[in-house]
Protein backbone atom coordinates (compact mmCIF):
# COMPACT_ATOMS: atom_id res chain seq x y z
CA UNK A 1 26.58 -7.85 -3.46
CA UNK A 2 23.04 -9.07 -4.02
CA UNK A 3 20.52 -10.93 -1.87
CA UNK A 4 17.24 -12.65 -2.77
CA UNK A 5 14.22 -11.50 -0.76
CA UNK A 6 10.76 -13.15 -0.71
CA UNK A 7 7.57 -11.17 -0.03
CA UNK A 8 3.85 -11.10 -0.85
CA UNK A 9 2.58 -9.01 -3.73
CA UNK A 10 0.23 -6.33 -2.32
CA UNK A 11 -2.09 -6.85 -5.33
CA UNK A 12 -2.48 -10.62 -5.79
CA UNK A 13 -0.95 -11.83 -2.45
CA UNK A 14 1.26 -14.38 -4.23
CA UNK A 15 4.75 -14.90 -2.81
CA UNK A 16 7.36 -13.52 -5.18
CA UNK A 17 11.10 -13.00 -4.93
CA UNK A 18 13.32 -10.12 -5.87
CA UNK A 19 17.10 -9.66 -6.06
CA UNK A 20 18.17 -6.66 -3.95
CA UNK A 21 21.47 -4.79 -4.22
CA UNK A 22 23.07 -4.58 -0.75
CA UNK A 23 25.61 -1.98 -1.88
CA UNK A 24 22.90 0.73 -1.93
CA UNK A 25 21.88 1.79 1.61
CA UNK A 26 18.34 2.91 0.69
CA UNK A 27 16.47 2.99 -2.59
CA UNK A 28 12.91 3.24 -3.87
CA UNK A 29 11.85 1.96 -7.26
CA UNK A 30 8.93 0.43 -9.16
CA UNK A 31 8.81 -3.24 -10.19
CA UNK A 32 5.97 -5.20 -11.77
CA UNK A 33 4.76 -8.32 -9.98
CA UNK A 34 5.97 -11.40 -11.85
CA UNK A 35 2.57 -13.06 -11.30
CA UNK A 36 -0.11 -10.38 -11.85
CA UNK A 37 2.03 -7.70 -13.60
CA UNK A 38 0.74 -4.87 -11.38
CA UNK A 39 3.27 -2.22 -10.28
CA UNK A 40 4.75 -2.35 -6.79
CA UNK A 41 6.77 0.40 -5.10
CA UNK A 42 9.76 -1.33 -3.50
CA UNK A 43 11.81 0.28 -0.71
CA UNK A 44 14.62 -1.79 0.82
CA UNK A 45 16.89 -0.32 3.52
CA UNK A 46 20.20 -1.96 4.43
CA UNK A 47 22.27 -1.43 7.58
CA UNK A 48 25.76 -2.92 7.80
CA UNK A 49 25.07 -5.18 4.82
CA UNK A 50 21.86 -6.62 6.32
CA UNK A 51 18.29 -5.92 5.21
CA UNK A 52 16.92 -3.73 8.03
CA UNK A 53 13.60 -2.76 6.45
CA UNK A 54 11.59 -3.72 3.38
CA UNK A 55 8.40 -2.17 2.05
CA UNK A 56 6.28 -3.32 -0.91
CA UNK A 57 3.36 -0.94 -1.53
CA UNK A 58 0.68 -1.23 -4.18
CA UNK A 59 0.43 1.56 -6.72
CA UNK A 60 -3.13 2.40 -7.69
CA UNK A 61 -3.78 2.29 -11.41
């Protein structure tokens, strides 16, 4: 199951959205911001099907 999550890009501060997979308890991956194209390290954590924690960290280039 998937859920849409909105957050601010740590580079350009624009609000962006991302589709997260609730079937994976914890994952870390890199996505580019859809506005400024800079890389963001994304770490969502789910507990009992609910988003318990979400981190979006800038990656220095």
